[in-house]
PDB file of N, CA and C in Angstrom:
ATOM      1  N   MET A   1      67.571 137.686 116.299  1.00  0.00           N
ATOM      2  CA  MET A   1      68.100 138.086 114.915  1.00  0.00           C
ATOM      3  C   MET A   1      69.583 137.902 115.072  1.00  0.00           C
ATOM      4  N   SER A   2      70.113 137.298 114.150  1.00  0.00           N
ATOM      5  CA  SER A   2      71.572 136.903 114.107  1.00  0.00           C
ATOM      6  C   SER A   2      72.363 138.007 113.573  1.00  0.00           C
ATOM      7  N   ASN A   3      73.521 138.346 114.036  1.00  0.00           N
ATOM      8  CA  ASN A   3      74.507 139.291 113.375  1.00  0.00           C
ATOM      9  C   ASN A   3      75.187 138.751 112.280  1.00  0.00           C
ATOM     10  N   GLN A   4      74.959 139.063 111.298  1.00  0.00           N
ATOM     11  CA  GLN A   4      75.651 138.628 109.945  1.00  0.00           C
ATOM     12  C   GLN A   4      77.121 139.261 109.717  1.00  0.00           C
ATOM     13  N   SER A   5      77.291 140.284 110.587  1.00  0.00           N
ATOM     14  CA  SER A   5      78.736 140.823 110.283  1.00  0.00           C
ATOM     15  C   SER A   5      79.789 139.793 110.739  1.00  0.00           C
ATOM     16  N   ASN A   6      79.391 138.955 111.385  1.00  0.00           N
ATOM     17  CA  ASN A   6      80.476 137.942 112.002  1.00  0.00           C
ATOM     18  C   ASN A   6      80.793 136.948 110.863  1.00  0.00           C
ATOM     19  N   ILE A   7      80.191 136.875 109.837  1.00  0.00           N
ATOM     20  CA  ILE A   7      80.290 135.915 108.764  1.00  0.00           C
ATOM     21  C   ILE A   7      81.245 136.478 107.751  1.00  0.00           C
ATOM     22  N   PRO A   8      82.355 135.693 107.491  1.00  0.00           N
ATOM     23  CA  PRO A   8      83.313 136.216 106.663  1.00  0.00           C
ATOM     24  C   PRO A   8      82.733 136.262 105.188  1.00  0.00           C
ATOM     25  N   LEU A   9      83.052 137.316 104.372  1.00  0.00           N
ATOM     26  CA  LEU A   9      82.721 137.375 103.070  1.00  0.00           C
ATOM     27  C   LEU A   9      83.538 136.310 102.195  1.00  0.00           C
ATOM     28  N   ILE A  10      84.689 135.931 102.505  1.00  0.00           N
ATOM     29  CA  ILE A  10      85.394 134.799 101.919  1.00  0.00           C
ATOM     30  C   ILE A  10      85.859 133.997 102.961  1.00  0.00           C
ATOM     31  N   PRO A  11      85.289 132.677 103.117  1.00  0.00           N
ATOM     32  CA  PRO A  11      85.604 131.715 104.125  1.00  0.00           C
ATOM     33  C   PRO A  11      87.048 131.233 104.081  1.00  0.00           C
ATOM     34  N   GLU A  12      87.572 130.934 105.071  1.00  0.00           N
ATOM     35  CA  GLU A  12      88.929 130.362 105.102  1.00  0.00           C
ATOM     36  C   GLU A  12      88.876 129.050 104.289  1.00  0.00           C
ATOM     37  N   VAL A  13      89.848 128.736 103.477  1.00  0.00           N
ATOM     38  CA  VAL A  13      89.875 127.582 102.502  1.00  0.00           C
ATOM     39  C   VAL A  13      90.801 126.429 103.361  1.00  0.00           C
ATOM     40  N   PRO A  14      90.108 125.179 103.531  1.00  0.00           N
ATOM     41  CA  PRO A  14      90.849 124.207 104.124  1.00  0.00           C
ATOM     42  C   PRO A  14      91.966 123.827 103.484  1.00  0.00           C
ATOM     43  N   GLN A  15      93.119 123.344 104.239  1.00  0.00           N
ATOM     44  CA  GLN A  15      94.315 122.920 103.762  1.00  0.00           C
ATOM     45  C   GLN A  15      94.117 121.888 102.660  1.00  0.00           C
ATOM     46  N   GLU A  16      93.160 120.856 102.732  1.00  0.00           N
ATOM     47  CA  GLU A  16      93.176 119.777 101.949  1.00  0.00           C
ATOM     48  C   GLU A  16      92.804 120.450 100.434  1.00  0.00           C
ATOM     49  N   ILE A  17      91.998 121.353 100.306  1.00  0.00           N
ATOM     50  CA  ILE A  17      91.494 121.997  99.158  1.00  0.00           C
ATOM     51  C   ILE A  17      92.875 122.787  98.512  1.00  0.00           C
ATOM     52  N   ILE A  18      93.695 123.381  99.310  1.00  0.00           N
ATOM     53  CA  ILE A  18      94.648 124.236  98.930  1.00  0.00           C
ATOM     54  C   ILE A  18      95.740 123.187  98.187  1.00  0.00           C
ATOM     55  N   SER A  19      95.847 122.076  99.006  1.00  0.00           N
ATOM     56  CA  SER A  19      96.691 120.967  98.512  1.00  0.00           C
ATOM     57  C   SER A  19      96.520 120.478  97.302  1.00  0.00           C
ATOM     58  N   ALA A  20      95.046 120.163  97.073  1.00  0.00           N
ATOM     59  CA  ALA A  20      94.596 119.619  95.876  1.00  0.00           C
ATOM     60  C   ALA A  20      94.651 120.613  94.667  1.00  0.00           C
ATOM     61  N   ILE A  21      94.552 121.845  94.939  1.00  0.00           N
ATOM     62  CA  ILE A  21      94.786 122.864  93.802  1.00  0.00           C
ATOM     63  C   ILE A  21      96.311 122.789  93.468  1.00  0.00           C
ATOM     64  N   GLU A  22      97.095 122.827  94.376  1.00  0.00           N
ATOM     65  CA  GLU A  22      98.553 122.930  94.176  1.00  0.00           C
ATOM     66  C   GLU A  22      99.056 121.574  93.430  1.00  0.00           C
ATOM     67  N   LYS A  23      98.380 120.633  93.569  1.00  0.00           N
ATOM     68  CA  LYS A  23      98.734 119.266  92.939  1.00  0.00           C
ATOM     69  C   LYS A  23      98.003 119.044  91.543  1.00  0.00           C
ATOM     70  N   GLY A  24      97.065 120.097  91.247  1.00  0.00           N
ATOM     71  CA  GLY A  24      96.277 119.865  90.070  1.00  0.00           C
ATOM     72  C   GLY A  24      95.123 118.804  90.018  1.00  0.00           C
ATOM     73  N   GLU A  25      94.797 118.470  91.300  1.00  0.00           N
ATOM     74  CA  GLU A  25      93.800 117.457  91.512  1.00  0.00           C
ATOM     75  C   GLU A  25      92.433 117.869  92.114  1.00  0.00           C
ATOM     76  N   LEU A  26      92.202 119.116  91.872  1.00  0.00           N
ATOM     77  CA  LEU A  26      90.773 119.662  92.317  1.00  0.00           C
ATOM     78  C   LEU A  26      89.880 119.636  91.178  1.00  0.00           C
ATOM     79  N   ILE A  27      88.821 119.111  91.405  1.00  0.00           N
ATOM     80  CA  ILE A  27      87.631 119.187  90.647  1.00  0.00           C
ATOM     81  C   ILE A  27      86.468 119.742  91.269  1.00  0.00           C
ATOM     82  N   LEU A  28      85.742 120.701  90.660  1.00  0.00           N
ATOM     83  CA  LEU A  28      84.656 121.336  91.351  1.00  0.00           C
ATOM     84  C   LEU A  28      83.344 120.774  90.628  1.00  0.00           C
ATOM     85  N   PHE A  29      82.391 120.439  91.541  1.00  0.00           N
ATOM     86  CA  PHE A  29      81.196 119.915  90.879  1.00  0.00           C
ATOM     87  C   PHE A  29      80.228 121.046  91.383  1.00  0.00           C
ATOM     88  N   VAL A  30      79.589 121.717  90.324  1.00  0.00           N
ATOM     89  CA  VAL A  30      78.625 122.842  90.625  1.00  0.00           C
ATOM     90  C   VAL A  30      77.190 122.279  90.226  1.00  0.00           C
ATOM     91  N   GLY A  31      76.332 122.771  90.683  1.00  0.00           N
ATOM     92  CA  GLY A  31      74.929 122.399  90.460  1.00  0.00           C
ATOM     93  C   GLY A  31      74.710 122.129  88.985  1.00  0.00           C
ATOM     94  N   ALA A  32      73.908 121.073  88.777  1.00  0.00           N
ATOM     95  CA  ALA A  32      73.577 120.791  87.487  1.00  0.00           C
ATOM     96  C   ALA A  32      72.793 121.820  86.712  1.00  0.00           C
ATOM     97  N   GLY A  33      72.976 121.979  85.511  1.00  0.00           N
ATOM     98  CA  GLY A  33      72.367 122.790  84.662  1.00  0.00           C
ATOM     99  C   GLY A  33      73.038 124.226  84.379  1.00  0.00           C
ATOM    100  N   VAL A  34      73.783 124.742  85.286  1.00  0.00           N
ATOM    101  CA  VAL A  34      74.471 126.005  85.040  1.00  0.00           C
ATOM    102  C   VAL A  34      75.450 125.783  83.942  1.00  0.00           C
ATOM    103  N   SER A  35      76.295 124.620  84.079  1.00  0.00           N
ATOM    104  CA  SER A  35      77.349 124.453  83.068  1.00  0.00           C
ATOM    105  C   SER A  35      76.720 124.182  81.804  1.00  0.00           C
ATOM    106  N   ALA A  36      75.513 123.426  81.577  1.00  0.00           N
ATOM    107  CA  ALA A  36      74.865 123.088  80.385  1.00  0.00           C
ATOM    108  C   ALA A  36      74.369 124.371  79.764  1.00  0.00           C
ATOM    109  N   ILE A  37      73.937 125.335  80.423  1.00  0.00           N
ATOM    110  CA  ILE A  37      73.474 126.668  79.748  1.00  0.00           C
ATOM    111  C   ILE A  37      74.667 127.184  79.099  1.00  0.00           C
ATOM    112  N   ALA A  38      75.833 126.924  79.655  1.00  0.00           N
ATOM    113  CA  ALA A  38      76.975 127.666  79.078  1.00  0.00           C
ATOM    114  C   ALA A  38      77.521 126.923  77.967  1.00  0.00           C
ATOM    115  N   GLY A  39      76.923 125.682  77.601  1.00  0.00           N
ATOM    116  CA  GLY A  39      77.303 124.901  76.462  1.00  0.00           C
ATOM    117  C   GLY A  39      78.207 123.735  76.751  1.00  0.00           C
ATOM    118  N   LEU A  40      78.502 123.436  78.205  1.00  0.00           N
ATOM    119  CA  LEU A  40      79.262 122.283  78.688  1.00  0.00           C
ATOM    120  C   LEU A  40      78.331 121.230  78.917  1.00  0.00           C
ATOM    121  N   PRO A  41      79.064 120.099  78.834  1.00  0.00           N
ATOM    122  CA  PRO A  41      78.123 118.789  78.986  1.00  0.00           C
ATOM    123  C   PRO A  41      77.728 118.748  80.333  1.00  0.00           C
ATOM    124  N   LEU A  42      76.575 117.922  80.489  1.00  0.00           N
ATOM    125  CA  LEU A  42      76.137 117.563  81.882  1.00  0.00           C
ATOM    126  C   LEU A  42      77.179 116.498  82.346  1.00  0.00           C
ATOM    127  N   TRP A  43      77.156 116.284  83.729  1.00  0.00           N
ATOM    128  CA  TRP A  43      78.094 115.310  84.133  1.00  0.00           C
ATOM    129  C   TRP A  43      77.767 113.972  83.586  1.00  0.00           C
ATOM    130  N   SER A  44      76.524 113.592  83.479  1.00  0.00           N
ATOM    131  CA  SER A  44      76.161 112.396  82.993  1.00  0.00           C
ATOM    132  C   SER A  44      76.681 112.025  81.552  1.00  0.00           C
ATOM    133  N   THR A  45      76.703 113.156  80.710  1.00  0.00           N
ATOM    134  CA  THR A  45      77.190 113.096  79.362  1.00  0.00           C
ATOM    135  C   THR A  45      78.760 113.006  79.415  1.00  0.00           C
ATOM    136  N   LEU A  46      79.419 113.633  80.195  1.00  0.00           N
ATOM    137  CA  LEU A  46      80.901 113.637  80.291  1.00  0.00           C
ATOM    138  C   LEU A  46      81.160 112.086  80.804  1.00  0.00           C
ATOM    139  N   ALA A  47      80.531 111.572  81.844  1.00  0.00           N
ATOM    140  CA  ALA A  47      80.814 110.307  82.358  1.00  0.00           C
ATOM    141  C   ALA A  47      80.622 109.252  81.351  1.00  0.00           C
ATOM    142  N   ASN A  48      79.527 109.303  80.618  1.00  0.00           N
ATOM    143  CA  ASN A  48      79.199 108.290  79.500  1.00  0.00           C
ATOM    144  C   ASN A  48      80.355 108.330  78.514  1.00  0.00           C
ATOM    145  N   SER A  49      80.692 109.558  78.120  1.00  0.00           N
ATOM    146  CA  SER A  49      81.786 109.785  77.031  1.00  0.00           C
ATOM    147  C   SER A  49      83.123 109.166  77.562  1.00  0.00           C
ATOM    148  N   LEU A  50      83.395 109.446  78.842  1.00  0.00           N
ATOM    149  CA  LEU A  50      84.667 108.716  79.332  1.00  0.00           C
ATOM    150  C   LEU A  50      84.753 107.349  79.248  1.00  0.00           C
ATOM    151  N   ILE A  51      83.453 106.609  79.713  1.00  0.00           N
ATOM    152  CA  ILE A  51      83.309 105.197  79.676  1.00  0.00           C
ATOM    153  C   ILE A  51      83.555 104.846  78.178  1.00  0.00           C
ATOM    154  N   ARG A  52      82.879 105.439  77.237  1.00  0.00           N
ATOM    155  CA  ARG A  52      83.025 105.085  75.821  1.00  0.00           C
ATOM    156  C   ARG A  52      84.424 105.188  75.319  1.00  0.00           C
ATOM    157  N   SER A  53      85.035 106.147  75.818  1.00  0.00           N
ATOM    158  CA  SER A  53      86.541 106.467  75.481  1.00  0.00           C
ATOM    159  C   SER A  53      87.281 105.204  75.803  1.00  0.00           C
ATOM    160  N   CYS A  54      86.927 104.604  77.182  1.00  0.00           N
ATOM    161  CA  CYS A  54      87.688 103.274  77.546  1.00  0.00           C
ATOM    162  C   CYS A  54      87.467 102.264  76.557  1.00  0.00           C
ATOM    163  N   LYS A  55      86.206 102.120  76.023  1.00  0.00           N
ATOM    164  CA  LYS A  55      85.986 101.105  75.031  1.00  0.00           C
ATOM    165  C   LYS A  55      86.749 101.362  73.804  1.00  0.00           C
ATOM    166  N   ASP A  56      86.846 102.574  73.375  1.00  0.00           N
ATOM    167  CA  ASP A  56      87.503 103.058  72.155  1.00  0.00           C
ATOM    168  C   ASP A  56      89.086 102.644  72.307  1.00  0.00           C
ATOM    169  N   LEU A  57      89.448 102.749  73.430  1.00  0.00           N
ATOM    170  CA  LEU A  57      91.010 102.547  73.815  1.00  0.00           C
ATOM    171  C   LEU A  57      91.413 101.015  73.947  1.00  0.00           C
ATOM    172  N   GLY A  58      90.306 100.305  74.110  1.00  0.00           N
ATOM    173  CA  GLY A  58      90.494  98.834  74.294  1.00  0.00           C
ATOM    174  C   GLY A  58      90.665  98.474  75.736  1.00  0.00           C
ATOM    175  N   TYR A  59      90.239  99.458  76.626  1.00  0.00           N
ATOM    176  CA  TYR A  59      90.441  99.139  78.017  1.00  0.00           C
ATOM    177  C   TYR A  59      89.261  98.334  78.466  1.00  0.00           C
ATOM    178  N   ILE A  60      88.363  98.294  77.914  1.00  0.00           N
ATOM    179  CA  ILE A  60      86.974  97.579  78.206  1.00  0.00           C
ATOM    180  C   ILE A  60      86.339  97.044  76.966  1.00  0.00           C
ATOM    181  N   SER A  61      85.591  95.849  76.954  1.00  0.00           N
ATOM    182  CA  SER A  61      85.087  95.445  75.696  1.00  0.00           C
ATOM    183  C   SER A  61      83.712  96.270  75.428  1.00  0.00           C
ATOM    184  N   GLU A  62      83.316  96.093  74.299  1.00  0.00           N
ATOM    185  CA  GLU A  62      81.883  96.788  74.060  1.00  0.00           C
ATOM    186  C   GLU A  62      80.735  96.366  74.931  1.00  0.00           C
ATOM    187  N   GLN A  63      80.840  94.861  75.210  1.00  0.00           N
ATOM    188  CA  GLN A  63      79.881  94.265  76.064  1.00  0.00           C
ATOM    189  C   GLN A  63      79.903  94.989  77.460  1.00  0.00           C
ATOM    190  N   ASP A  64      81.168  95.058  77.929  1.00  0.00           N
ATOM    191  CA  ASP A  64      81.458  95.641  79.141  1.00  0.00           C
ATOM    192  C   ASP A  64      80.895  97.031  79.266  1.00  0.00           C
ATOM    193  N   CYS A  65      81.158  97.855  78.257  1.00  0.00           N
ATOM    194  CA  CYS A  65      80.798  99.191  78.224  1.00  0.00           C
ATOM    195  C   CYS A  65      79.265  99.276  78.179  1.00  0.00           C
ATOM    196  N   ASP A  66      78.529  98.496  77.441  1.00  0.00           N
ATOM    197  CA  ASP A  66      77.174  98.624  77.453  1.00  0.00           C
ATOM    198  C   ASP A  66      76.597  98.165  78.706  1.00  0.00           C
ATOM    199  N   LEU A  67      77.170  97.151  79.371  1.00  0.00           N
ATOM    200  CA  LEU A  67      76.842  96.597  80.646  1.00  0.00           C
ATOM    201  C   LEU A  67      76.948  97.896  81.715  1.00  0.00           C
ATOM    202  N   ILE A  68      78.149  98.309  81.843  1.00  0.00           N
ATOM    203  CA  ILE A  68      78.475  99.406  82.696  1.00  0.00           C
ATOM    204  C   ILE A  68      77.384 100.694  82.456  1.00  0.00           C
ATOM    205  N   LEU A  69      77.365 101.063  81.183  1.00  0.00           N
ATOM    206  CA  LEU A  69      76.263 102.239  81.059  1.00  0.00           C
ATOM    207  C   LEU A  69      74.835 101.956  81.341  1.00  0.00           C
ATOM    208  N   THR A  70      74.542 100.632  81.251  1.00  0.00           N
ATOM    209  CA  THR A  70      73.107 100.333  81.595  1.00  0.00           C
ATOM    210  C   THR A  70      72.836  99.940  83.147  1.00  0.00           C
ATOM    211  N   LYS A  71      73.914  99.541  83.871  1.00  0.00           N
ATOM    212  CA  LYS A  71      73.716  99.402  85.098  1.00  0.00           C
ATOM    213  C   LYS A  71      74.111 100.420  86.102  1.00  0.00           C
ATOM    214  N   ILE A  72      74.922 101.394  85.696  1.00  0.00           N
ATOM    215  CA  ILE A  72      75.349 102.433  86.548  1.00  0.00           C
ATOM    216  C   ILE A  72      75.022 103.901  85.891  1.00  0.00           C
ATOM    217  N   SER A  73      74.186 104.538  86.742  1.00  0.00           N
ATOM    218  CA  SER A  73      73.726 105.780  86.336  1.00  0.00           C
ATOM    219  C   SER A  73      74.381 107.051  87.096  1.00  0.00           C
ATOM    220  N   ASP A  74      75.160 106.548  88.212  1.00  0.00           N
ATOM    221  CA  ASP A  74      75.659 107.730  88.850  1.00  0.00           C
ATOM    222  C   ASP A  74      76.982 108.254  88.301  1.00  0.00           C
ATOM    223  N   PRO A  75      76.976 109.656  87.700  1.00  0.00           N
ATOM    224  CA  PRO A  75      78.205 109.944  87.025  1.00  0.00           C
ATOM    225  C   PRO A  75      79.515 109.858  87.672  1.00  0.00           C
ATOM    226  N   LYS A  76      79.335 110.057  89.189  1.00  0.00           N
ATOM    227  CA  LYS A  76      80.625 110.036  89.811  1.00  0.00           C
ATOM    228  C   LYS A  76      81.195 108.695  89.831  1.00  0.00           C
ATOM    229  N   LYS A  77      80.355 107.692  89.801  1.00  0.00           N
ATOM    230  CA  LYS A  77      80.921 106.110  89.766  1.00  0.00           C
ATOM    231  C   LYS A  77      81.417 106.022  88.332  1.00  0.00           C
ATOM    232  N   LEU A  78      80.802 106.436  87.407  1.00  0.00           N
ATOM    233  CA  LEU A  78      81.192 106.252  86.124  1.00  0.00           C
ATOM    234  C   LEU A  78      82.560 106.940  85.814  1.00  0.00           C
ATOM    235  N   ILE A  79      82.712 108.204  86.226  1.00  0.00           N
ATOM    236  CA  ILE A  79      84.058 108.909  86.175  1.00  0.00           C
ATOM    237  C   ILE A  79      85.041 108.169  86.836  1.00  0.00           C
ATOM    238  N   SER A  80      84.760 107.553  88.025  1.00  0.00           N
ATOM    239  CA  SER A  80      85.871 106.832  88.859  1.00  0.00           C
ATOM    240  C   SER A  80      86.220 105.667  88.127  1.00  0.00           C
ATOM    241  N   ILE A  81      85.215 104.780  87.512  1.00  0.00           N
ATOM    242  CA  ILE A  81      85.467 103.712  86.739  1.00  0.00           C
ATOM    243  C   ILE A  81      86.385 104.050  85.755  1.00  0.00           C
ATOM    244  N   ALA A  82      86.070 105.033  84.851  1.00  0.00           N
ATOM    245  CA  ALA A  82      87.068 105.537  83.733  1.00  0.00           C
ATOM    246  C   ALA A  82      88.220 105.773  84.302  1.00  0.00           C
ATOM    247  N   PHE A  83      88.408 106.601  85.413  1.00  0.00           N
ATOM    248  CA  PHE A  83      89.682 106.926  85.908  1.00  0.00           C
ATOM    249  C   PHE A  83      90.580 105.754  86.131  1.00  0.00           C
ATOM    250  N   GLU A  84      90.017 104.695  86.827  1.00  0.00           N
ATOM    251  CA  GLU A  84      90.635 103.375  87.200  1.00  0.00           C
ATOM    252  C   GLU A  84      91.095 102.661  85.777  1.00  0.00           C
ATOM    253  N   LYS A  85      90.265 102.608  84.914  1.00  0.00           N
ATOM    254  CA  LYS A  85      90.776 102.072  83.651  1.00  0.00           C
ATOM    255  C   LYS A  85      91.862 102.670  82.929  1.00  0.00           C
ATOM    256  N   TYR A  86      91.862 103.926  82.848  1.00  0.00           N
ATOM    257  CA  TYR A  86      92.883 104.822  82.445  1.00  0.00           C
ATOM    258  C   TYR A  86      94.120 104.540  83.156  1.00  0.00           C
ATOM    259  N   SER A  87      93.922 104.527  84.501  1.00  0.00           N
ATOM    260  CA  SER A  87      95.216 104.458  85.447  1.00  0.00           C
ATOM    261  C   SER A  87      95.825 103.056  85.267  1.00  0.00           C
ATOM    262  N   SER A  88      94.987 102.022  85.186  1.00  0.00           N
ATOM    263  CA  SER A  88      95.391 100.733  85.302  1.00  0.00           C
ATOM    264  C   SER A  88      96.145 100.271  83.773  1.00  0.00           C
ATOM    265  N   ASN A  89      95.900 101.200  82.804  1.00  0.00           N
ATOM    266  CA  ASN A  89      96.648 101.174  81.702  1.00  0.00           C
ATOM    267  C   ASN A  89      97.809 102.207  81.468  1.00  0.00           C
ATOM    268  N   GLU A  90      98.045 102.797  82.689  1.00  0.00           N
ATOM    269  CA  GLU A  90      99.114 103.743  82.732  1.00  0.00           C
ATOM    270  C   GLU A  90      98.986 105.010  81.802  1.00  0.00           C
ATOM    271  N   ASN A  91      97.734 105.350  81.602  1.00  0.00           N
ATOM    272  CA  ASN A  91      97.329 106.616  80.661  1.00  0.00           C
ATOM    273  C   ASN A  91      96.477 107.691  81.422  1.00  0.00           C
ATOM    274  N   LYS A  92      97.022 107.923  82.706  1.00  0.00           N
ATOM    275  CA  LYS A  92      96.287 108.997  83.385  1.00  0.00           C
ATOM    276  C   LYS A  92      96.327 110.345  82.673  1.00  0.00           C
ATOM    277  N   ASP A  93      97.531 110.751  81.990  1.00  0.00           N
ATOM    278  CA  ASP A  93      97.467 111.818  81.237  1.00  0.00           C
ATOM    279  C   ASP A  93      96.477 111.990  80.299  1.00  0.00           C
ATOM    280  N   ALA A  94      96.189 110.965  79.551  1.00  0.00           N
ATOM    281  CA  ALA A  94      95.126 111.007  78.388  1.00  0.00           C
ATOM    282  C   ALA A  94      93.831 111.167  79.044  1.00  0.00           C
ATOM    283  N   TYR A  95      93.504 110.503  80.232  1.00  0.00           N
ATOM    284  CA  TYR A  95      92.142 110.660  81.002  1.00  0.00           C
ATOM    285  C   TYR A  95      92.014 112.209  81.491  1.00  0.00           C
ATOM    286  N   TYR A  96      93.077 112.777  81.951  1.00  0.00           N
ATOM    287  CA  TYR A  96      92.976 114.259  82.316  1.00  0.00           C
ATOM    288  C   TYR A  96      92.887 115.022  81.197  1.00  0.00           C
ATOM    289  N   GLN A  97      93.579 114.820  80.111  1.00  0.00           N
ATOM    290  CA  GLN A  97      93.334 115.566  78.689  1.00  0.00           C
ATOM    291  C   GLN A  97      91.918 115.523  78.378  1.00  0.00           C
ATOM    292  N   LYS A  98      91.292 114.352  78.272  1.00  0.00           N
ATOM    293  CA  LYS A  98      89.924 114.038  77.787  1.00  0.00           C
ATOM    294  C   LYS A  98      88.977 114.848  78.702  1.00  0.00           C
ATOM    295  N   PHE A  99      89.300 114.718  79.953  1.00  0.00           N
ATOM    296  CA  PHE A  99      88.394 115.432  80.958  1.00  0.00           C
ATOM    297  C   PHE A  99      88.420 117.004  80.791  1.00  0.00           C
ATOM    298  N   VAL A 100      89.659 117.483  80.807  1.00  0.00           N
ATOM    299  CA  VAL A 100      89.889 118.913  80.480  1.00  0.00           C
ATOM    300  C   VAL A 100      89.277 119.459  79.202  1.00  0.00           C
ATOM    301  N   GLU A 101      89.451 118.677  78.155  1.00  0.00           N
ATOM    302  CA  GLU A 101      88.774 119.096  76.910  1.00  0.00           C
ATOM    303  C   GLU A 101      87.343 119.244  77.050  1.00  0.00           C
ATOM    304  N   SER A 102      86.774 118.207  77.810  1.00  0.00           N
ATOM    305  CA  SER A 102      85.281 118.222  77.889  1.00  0.00           C
ATOM    306  C   SER A 102      84.676 119.521  78.571  1.00  0.00           C
ATOM    307  N   LEU A 103      85.653 119.998  79.410  1.00  0.00           N
ATOM    308  CA  LEU A 103      85.089 121.280  80.160  1.00  0.00           C
ATOM    309  C   LEU A 103      85.415 122.510  79.539  1.00  0.00           C
ATOM    310  N   LYS A 104      86.071 122.576  78.257  1.00  0.00           N
ATOM    311  CA  LYS A 104      86.163 123.956  77.730  1.00  0.00           C
ATOM    312  C   LYS A 104      85.032 124.234  77.264  1.00  0.00           C
ATOM    313  N   PRO A 105      84.876 125.766  77.274  1.00  0.00           N
ATOM    314  CA  PRO A 105      83.704 126.366  76.729  1.00  0.00           C
ATOM    315  C   PRO A 105      83.523 126.002  75.182  1.00  0.00           C
ATOM    316  N   PRO A 106      82.251 125.939  74.597  1.00  0.00           N
ATOM    317  CA  PRO A 106      82.056 125.649  73.320  1.00  0.00           C
ATOM    318  C   PRO A 106      82.753 126.847  72.327  1.00  0.00           C
ATOM    319  N   GLU A 107      83.213 126.462  71.136  1.00  0.00           N
ATOM    320  CA  GLU A 107      84.078 127.466  70.288  1.00  0.00           C
ATOM    321  C   GLU A 107      83.178 128.691  69.853  1.00  0.00           C
ATOM    322  N   LYS A 108      81.789 128.368  69.775  1.00  0.00           N
ATOM    323  CA  LYS A 108      80.817 129.377  69.426  1.00  0.00           C
ATOM    324  C   LYS A 108      80.756 130.482  70.594  1.00  0.00           C
ATOM    325  N   GLY A 109      81.209 130.211  71.743  1.00  0.00           N
ATOM    326  CA  GLY A 109      81.111 131.174  72.915  1.00  0.00           C
ATOM    327  C   GLY A 109      79.942 130.703  73.688  1.00  0.00           C
ATOM    328  N   ILE A 110      79.838 131.403  74.771  1.00  0.00           N
ATOM    329  CA  ILE A 110      78.605 131.197  75.723  1.00  0.00           C
ATOM    330  C   ILE A 110      77.371 131.925  75.182  1.00  0.00           C
ATOM    331  N   SER A 111      76.321 131.382  75.327  1.00  0.00           N
ATOM    332  CA  SER A 111      75.023 132.050  74.747  1.00  0.00           C
ATOM    333  C   SER A 111      74.657 133.301  75.653  1.00  0.00           C
ATOM    334  N   GLU A 112      73.864 134.035  75.048  1.00  0.00           N
ATOM    335  CA  GLU A 112      73.502 135.291  75.698  1.00  0.00           C
ATOM    336  C   GLU A 112      72.727 134.907  77.126  1.00  0.00           C
ATOM    337  N   GLU A 113      71.939 133.794  77.148  1.00  0.00           N
ATOM    338  CA  GLU A 113      71.262 133.415  78.191  1.00  0.00           C
ATOM    339  C   GLU A 113      72.048 133.158  79.359  1.00  0.00           C
ATOM    340  N   ALA A 114      73.179 132.483  78.833  1.00  0.00           N
ATOM    341  CA  ALA A 114      74.283 131.973  79.957  1.00  0.00           C
ATOM    342  C   ALA A 114      74.985 133.114  80.441  1.00  0.00           C
ATOM    343  N   LYS A 115      75.242 134.236  79.696  1.00  0.00           N
ATOM    344  CA  LYS A 115      76.146 135.413  80.003  1.00  0.00           C
ATOM    345  C   LYS A 115      75.386 136.178  81.194  1.00  0.00           C
ATOM    346  N   VAL A 116      74.049 136.064  81.150  1.00  0.00           N
ATOM    347  CA  VAL A 116      73.409 136.687  82.308  1.00  0.00           C
ATOM    348  C   VAL A 116      73.867 136.047  83.677  1.00  0.00           C
ATOM    349  N   ILE A 117      74.030 134.713  83.611  1.00  0.00           N
ATOM    350  CA  ILE A 117      74.314 133.895  84.764  1.00  0.00           C
ATOM    351  C   ILE A 117      75.769 134.243  85.125  1.00  0.00           C
ATOM    352  N   PHE A 118      76.747 134.211  84.176  1.00  0.00           N
ATOM    353  CA  PHE A 118      78.053 134.312  84.396  1.00  0.00           C
ATOM    354  C   PHE A 118      78.751 135.593  84.562  1.00  0.00           C
ATOM    355  N   ASP A 119      77.976 136.640  84.119  1.00  0.00           N
ATOM    356  CA  ASP A 119      78.536 137.998  84.263  1.00  0.00           C
ATOM    357  C   ASP A 119      78.062 138.521  85.613  1.00  0.00           C
ATOM    358  N   PHE A 120      79.135 139.125  86.272  1.00  0.00           N
ATOM    359  CA  PHE A 120      78.837 139.541  87.636  1.00  0.00           C
ATOM    360  C   PHE A 120      78.886 140.952  87.774  1.00  0.00           C
TER     361      PHE A 120
END
């Protein structure tokens, strides 16, 4: 039987994470579904929205948008493609703004079902 008293309640945070927090570059990916219960988009919905915004801004053509969304299903890849398109058009601030706006809780608030999960 292991002695659980040696496990720290709060693990030491690696310097890379601290640096990313300080630079405002940290994005946490938490298991799928929990954020959806709170009314936030799934990563796939967010990723598709970011790619479509690239089309709307003229960073990619409609044909390229459709091709990307049909050929690539990995949200991390789609988010990375969108970031590259915004960056290459010197518009990182708009990318971050769109990303942050997508992660705001819904105006109607968190559902009662979700409150059970998020209340500690």
